[in-house]
């Protein structure tokens, strides 16, 4: 065999291994189960009161995943830590703060995503789950009125 044929053979074997690894990651990811619980189902828009989020991870047999690295991603708010290890109860605890709102940035529900980064080995197709937190507009806030007296 000449060099071009060897290179082509190695290339195709590499592609086949990558595809097989990706299929393995996808199948493995589909066998995991997440349970998400929060300290509250909705939060005021101020961004001050945190929400405690527990993400429990189990495999298809219901066995708790201990020591897995869970990655959290939020749409508008902030997580105190974005990567948390599961404890002896298979839970990773996140602290979520809603985004600060003003006349430009209105209160919006926040969709959080959680991924188990420990499981995926080849092309990163991790088990994942999503959770929607309702952001409630504060009823006590009234628009501030500015008069010309405030400038002088």
C-alpha atoms as a PDB file:
ATOM      1  CA  UNK A   1       0.000   0.000   0.000  1.00  0.00           C
ATOM      2  CA  UNK A   2       1.199   3.441  -0.763  1.00  0.00           C
ATOM      3  CA  UNK A   3       1.155   6.396   1.623  1.00  0.00           C
ATOM      4  CA  UNK A   4      -2.092   7.913   0.270  1.00  0.00           C
ATOM      5  CA  UNK A   5      -3.996   4.668   0.788  1.00  0.00           C
ATOM      6  CA  UNK A   6      -2.660   4.355   4.344  1.00  0.00           C
ATOM      7  CA  UNK A   7      -3.618   7.939   5.089  1.00  0.00           C
ATOM      8  CA  UNK A   8      -7.117   7.385   3.665  1.00  0.00           C
ATOM      9  CA  UNK A   9      -7.521   4.161   5.661  1.00  0.00           C
ATOM     10  CA  UNK A  10      -6.404   5.856   8.880  1.00  0.00           C
ATOM     11  CA  UNK A  11      -8.732   8.791   8.160  1.00  0.00           C
ATOM     12  CA  UNK A  12     -11.771   6.551   7.659  1.00  0.00           C
ATOM     13  CA  UNK A  13     -10.968   4.444  10.721  1.00  0.00           C
ATOM     14  CA  UNK A  14     -10.672   7.673  12.742  1.00  0.00           C
ATOM     15  CA  UNK A  15     -14.038   8.908  11.451  1.00  0.00           C
ATOM     16  CA  UNK A  16     -15.639   5.545  12.255  1.00  0.00           C
ATOM     17  CA  UNK A  17     -14.250   5.645  15.812  1.00  0.00           C
ATOM     18  CA  UNK A  18     -15.471   9.225  16.267  1.00  0.00           C
ATOM     19  CA  UNK A  19     -18.976   8.310  15.065  1.00  0.00           C
ATOM     20  CA  UNK A  20     -19.039   5.216  17.273  1.00  0.00           C
ATOM     21  CA  UNK A  21     -17.897   7.294  20.250  1.00  0.00           C
ATOM     22  CA  UNK A  22     -20.567   9.902  19.544  1.00  0.00           C
ATOM     23  CA  UNK A  23     -23.264   7.250  19.354  1.00  0.00           C
ATOM     24  CA  UNK A  24     -21.971   5.790  22.620  1.00  0.00           C
ATOM     25  CA  UNK A  25     -22.102   9.243  24.290  1.00  0.00           C
ATOM     26  CA  UNK A  26     -25.648   9.856  23.016  1.00  0.00           C
ATOM     27  CA  UNK A  27     -26.897   6.458  24.190  1.00  0.00           C
ATOM     28  CA  UNK A  28     -25.210   6.873  27.573  1.00  0.00           C
ATOM     29  CA  UNK A  29     -26.699  10.369  27.988  1.00  0.00           C
ATOM     30  CA  UNK A  30     -30.206   9.088  27.292  1.00  0.00           C
ATOM     31  CA  UNK A  31     -29.942   6.652  30.213  1.00  0.00           C
ATOM     32  CA  UNK A  32     -29.572   9.299  32.898  1.00  0.00           C
ATOM     33  CA  UNK A  33     -32.327  10.880  34.947  1.00  0.00           C
ATOM     34  CA  UNK A  34     -32.328  14.302  36.612  1.00  0.00           C
ATOM     35  CA  UNK A  35     -34.566  15.475  39.449  1.00  0.00           C
ATOM     36  CA  UNK A  36     -34.576  19.236  39.993  1.00  0.00           C
ATOM     37  CA  UNK A  37     -36.011  20.902  43.084  1.00  0.00           C
ATOM     38  CA  UNK A  38     -35.927  24.545  44.141  1.00  0.00           C
ATOM     39  CA  UNK A  39     -36.521  26.530  47.302  1.00  0.00           C
ATOM     40  CA  UNK A  40     -39.269  28.426  45.436  1.00  0.00           C
ATOM     41  CA  UNK A  41     -41.074  28.194  42.088  1.00  0.00           C
ATOM     42  CA  UNK A  42     -40.934  31.917  41.429  1.00  0.00           C
ATOM     43  CA  UNK A  43     -38.765  34.807  42.511  1.00  0.00           C
ATOM     44  CA  UNK A  44     -39.016  38.586  42.505  1.00  0.00           C
ATOM     45  CA  UNK A  45     -37.137  40.414  39.782  1.00  0.00           C
ATOM     46  CA  UNK A  46     -34.796  42.385  42.041  1.00  0.00           C
ATOM     47  CA  UNK A  47     -31.924  39.906  41.819  1.00  0.00           C
ATOM     48  CA  UNK A  48     -31.347  40.023  45.579  1.00  0.00           C
ATOM     49  CA  UNK A  49     -33.149  36.933  46.880  1.00  0.00           C
ATOM     50  CA  UNK A  50     -31.321  33.750  45.875  1.00  0.00           C
ATOM     51  CA  UNK A  51     -33.014  30.523  44.827  1.00  0.00           C
ATOM     52  CA  UNK A  52     -31.503  27.262  46.050  1.00  0.00           C
ATOM     53  CA  UNK A  53     -31.539  24.623  43.302  1.00  0.00           C
ATOM     54  CA  UNK A  54     -30.811  20.942  43.904  1.00  0.00           C
ATOM     55  CA  UNK A  55     -30.024  18.756  40.913  1.00  0.00           C
ATOM     56  CA  UNK A  56     -30.084  15.018  41.673  1.00  0.00           C
ATOM     57  CA  UNK A  57     -28.543  12.719  39.064  1.00  0.00           C
ATOM     58  CA  UNK A  58     -29.274   8.993  38.704  1.00  0.00           C
ATOM     59  CA  UNK A  59     -28.432   6.370  36.121  1.00  0.00           C
ATOM     60  CA  UNK A  60     -31.012   4.146  34.405  1.00  0.00           C
ATOM     61  CA  UNK A  61     -31.003   1.711  37.353  1.00  0.00           C
ATOM     62  CA  UNK A  62     -31.825   4.536  39.780  1.00  0.00           C
ATOM     63  CA  UNK A  63     -28.329   4.501  41.273  1.00  0.00           C
ATOM     64  CA  UNK A  64     -27.211   7.919  42.518  1.00  0.00           C
ATOM     65  CA  UNK A  65     -24.277   9.462  40.678  1.00  0.00           C
ATOM     66  CA  UNK A  66     -21.717  10.530  43.281  1.00  0.00           C
ATOM     67  CA  UNK A  67     -18.839  12.860  42.406  1.00  0.00           C
ATOM     68  CA  UNK A  68     -20.171  13.826  38.970  1.00  0.00           C
ATOM     69  CA  UNK A  69     -19.405  17.346  37.751  1.00  0.00           C
ATOM     70  CA  UNK A  70     -22.653  19.177  36.933  1.00  0.00           C
ATOM     71  CA  UNK A  71     -22.476  22.304  34.768  1.00  0.00           C
ATOM     72  CA  UNK A  72     -25.233  24.900  35.150  1.00  0.00           C
ATOM     73  CA  UNK A  73     -26.178  27.483  32.550  1.00  0.00           C
ATOM     74  CA  UNK A  74     -28.711  30.288  32.940  1.00  0.00           C
ATOM     75  CA  UNK A  75     -30.367  32.508  30.353  1.00  0.00           C
ATOM     76  CA  UNK A  76     -30.598  35.819  32.223  1.00  0.00           C
ATOM     77  CA  UNK A  77     -29.629  35.333  35.851  1.00  0.00           C
ATOM     78  CA  UNK A  78     -26.421  34.299  37.573  1.00  0.00           C
ATOM     79  CA  UNK A  79     -25.307  31.092  39.263  1.00  0.00           C
ATOM     80  CA  UNK A  80     -22.937  31.516  42.211  1.00  0.00           C
ATOM     81  CA  UNK A  81     -20.951  28.537  40.878  1.00  0.00           C
ATOM     82  CA  UNK A  82     -21.442  27.084  37.409  1.00  0.00           C
ATOM     83  CA  UNK A  83     -19.765  23.726  38.102  1.00  0.00           C
ATOM     84  CA  UNK A  84     -20.693  21.719  41.189  1.00  0.00           C
ATOM     85  CA  UNK A  85     -19.868  18.123  42.174  1.00  0.00           C
ATOM     86  CA  UNK A  86     -22.657  15.798  43.257  1.00  0.00           C
ATOM     87  CA  UNK A  87     -22.495  14.789  46.920  1.00  0.00           C
ATOM     88  CA  UNK A  88     -23.187  11.453  48.649  1.00  0.00           C
ATOM     89  CA  UNK A  89     -26.920  11.932  47.927  1.00  0.00           C
ATOM     90  CA  UNK A  90     -26.235  12.394  44.202  1.00  0.00           C
ATOM     91  CA  UNK A  91     -27.140  16.084  44.486  1.00  0.00           C
ATOM     92  CA  UNK A  92     -25.424  19.199  43.236  1.00  0.00           C
ATOM     93  CA  UNK A  93     -26.588  22.408  44.926  1.00  0.00           C
ATOM     94  CA  UNK A  94     -26.640  25.636  42.938  1.00  0.00           C
ATOM     95  CA  UNK A  95     -27.501  29.163  44.083  1.00  0.00           C
ATOM     96  CA  UNK A  96     -29.347  31.215  41.442  1.00  0.00           C
ATOM     97  CA  UNK A  97     -29.754  35.003  41.456  1.00  0.00           C
ATOM     98  CA  UNK A  98     -32.246  36.534  38.997  1.00  0.00           C
ATOM     99  CA  UNK A  99     -30.962  39.341  36.804  1.00  0.00           C
ATOM    100  CA  UNK A 100     -31.361  42.939  37.882  1.00  0.00           C
ATOM    101  CA  UNK A 101     -34.184  44.655  36.047  1.00  0.00           C
ATOM    102  CA  UNK A 102     -34.768  48.215  34.979  1.00  0.00           C
ATOM    103  CA  UNK A 103     -36.726  50.078  32.313  1.00  0.00           C
ATOM    104  CA  UNK A 104     -34.599  48.477  29.580  1.00  0.00           C
ATOM    105  CA  UNK A 105     -34.143  44.971  31.018  1.00  0.00           C
ATOM    106  CA  UNK A 106     -37.637  43.791  31.913  1.00  0.00           C
ATOM    107  CA  UNK A 107     -38.355  40.769  34.115  1.00  0.00           C
ATOM    108  CA  UNK A 108     -38.213  37.550  32.079  1.00  0.00           C
ATOM    109  CA  UNK A 109     -38.592  33.920  33.073  1.00  0.00           C
ATOM    110  CA  UNK A 110     -35.225  32.190  33.215  1.00  0.00           C
ATOM    111  CA  UNK A 111     -34.556  28.801  31.624  1.00  0.00           C
ATOM    112  CA  UNK A 112     -31.735  26.972  33.370  1.00  0.00           C
ATOM    113  CA  UNK A 113     -29.867  24.028  31.847  1.00  0.00           C
ATOM    114  CA  UNK A 114     -27.860  21.416  33.734  1.00  0.00           C
ATOM    115  CA  UNK A 115     -25.341  19.029  32.155  1.00  0.00           C
ATOM    116  CA  UNK A 116     -23.463  16.069  33.656  1.00  0.00           C
ATOM    117  CA  UNK A 117     -19.982  16.661  32.221  1.00  0.00           C
ATOM    118  CA  UNK A 118     -18.467  13.577  33.847  1.00  0.00           C
ATOM    119  CA  UNK A 119     -20.277  11.031  31.697  1.00  0.00           C
ATOM    120  CA  UNK A 120     -19.532  12.142  28.136  1.00  0.00           C
ATOM    121  CA  UNK A 121     -16.087  11.001  27.024  1.00  0.00           C
ATOM    122  CA  UNK A 122     -15.760  11.333  23.245  1.00  0.00           C
ATOM    123  CA  UNK A 123     -17.586  14.235  21.619  1.00  0.00           C
ATOM    124  CA  UNK A 124     -19.341  15.758  24.623  1.00  0.00           C
ATOM    125  CA  UNK A 125     -22.987  14.741  24.416  1.00  0.00           C
ATOM    126  CA  UNK A 126     -23.713  14.935  28.142  1.00  0.00           C
ATOM    127  CA  UNK A 127     -26.927  14.009  29.936  1.00  0.00           C
ATOM    128  CA  UNK A 128     -28.910  17.198  30.469  1.00  0.00           C
ATOM    129  CA  UNK A 129     -32.049  18.665  32.003  1.00  0.00           C
ATOM    130  CA  UNK A 130     -33.745  22.061  31.945  1.00  0.00           C
ATOM    131  CA  UNK A 131     -35.796  23.972  34.504  1.00  0.00           C
ATOM    132  CA  UNK A 132     -37.852  27.171  34.138  1.00  0.00           C
ATOM    133  CA  UNK A 133     -37.865  29.696  36.990  1.00  0.00           C
ATOM    134  CA  UNK A 134     -40.691  32.226  36.920  1.00  0.00           C
ATOM    135  CA  UNK A 135     -39.538  35.789  37.488  1.00  0.00           C
ATOM    136  CA  UNK A 136     -42.284  37.916  39.018  1.00  0.00           C
ATOM    137  CA  UNK A 137     -42.486  41.666  38.580  1.00  0.00           C
ATOM    138  CA  UNK A 138     -42.256  43.468  41.891  1.00  0.00           C
ATOM    139  CA  UNK A 139     -45.620  44.981  42.809  1.00  0.00           C
ATOM    140  CA  UNK A 140     -44.170  47.484  45.257  1.00  0.00           C
ATOM    141  CA  UNK A 141     -42.028  49.279  42.715  1.00  0.00           C
ATOM    142  CA  UNK A 142     -43.504  52.380  41.220  1.00  0.00           C
ATOM    143  CA  UNK A 143     -41.801  54.259  38.422  1.00  0.00           C
ATOM    144  CA  UNK A 144     -39.662  57.078  39.772  1.00  0.00           C
ATOM    145  CA  UNK A 145     -40.880  60.464  38.692  1.00  0.00           C
ATOM    146  CA  UNK A 146     -38.279  63.059  37.922  1.00  0.00           C
ATOM    147  CA  UNK A 147     -39.270  66.694  38.022  1.00  0.00           C
ATOM    148  CA  UNK A 148     -37.354  69.737  36.993  1.00  0.00           C
ATOM    149  CA  UNK A 149     -36.856  70.550  40.695  1.00  0.00           C
ATOM    150  CA  UNK A 150     -34.609  67.502  40.972  1.00  0.00           C
ATOM    151  CA  UNK A 151     -32.087  69.103  38.628  1.00  0.00           C
ATOM    152  CA  UNK A 152     -31.615  72.424  40.454  1.00  0.00           C
END
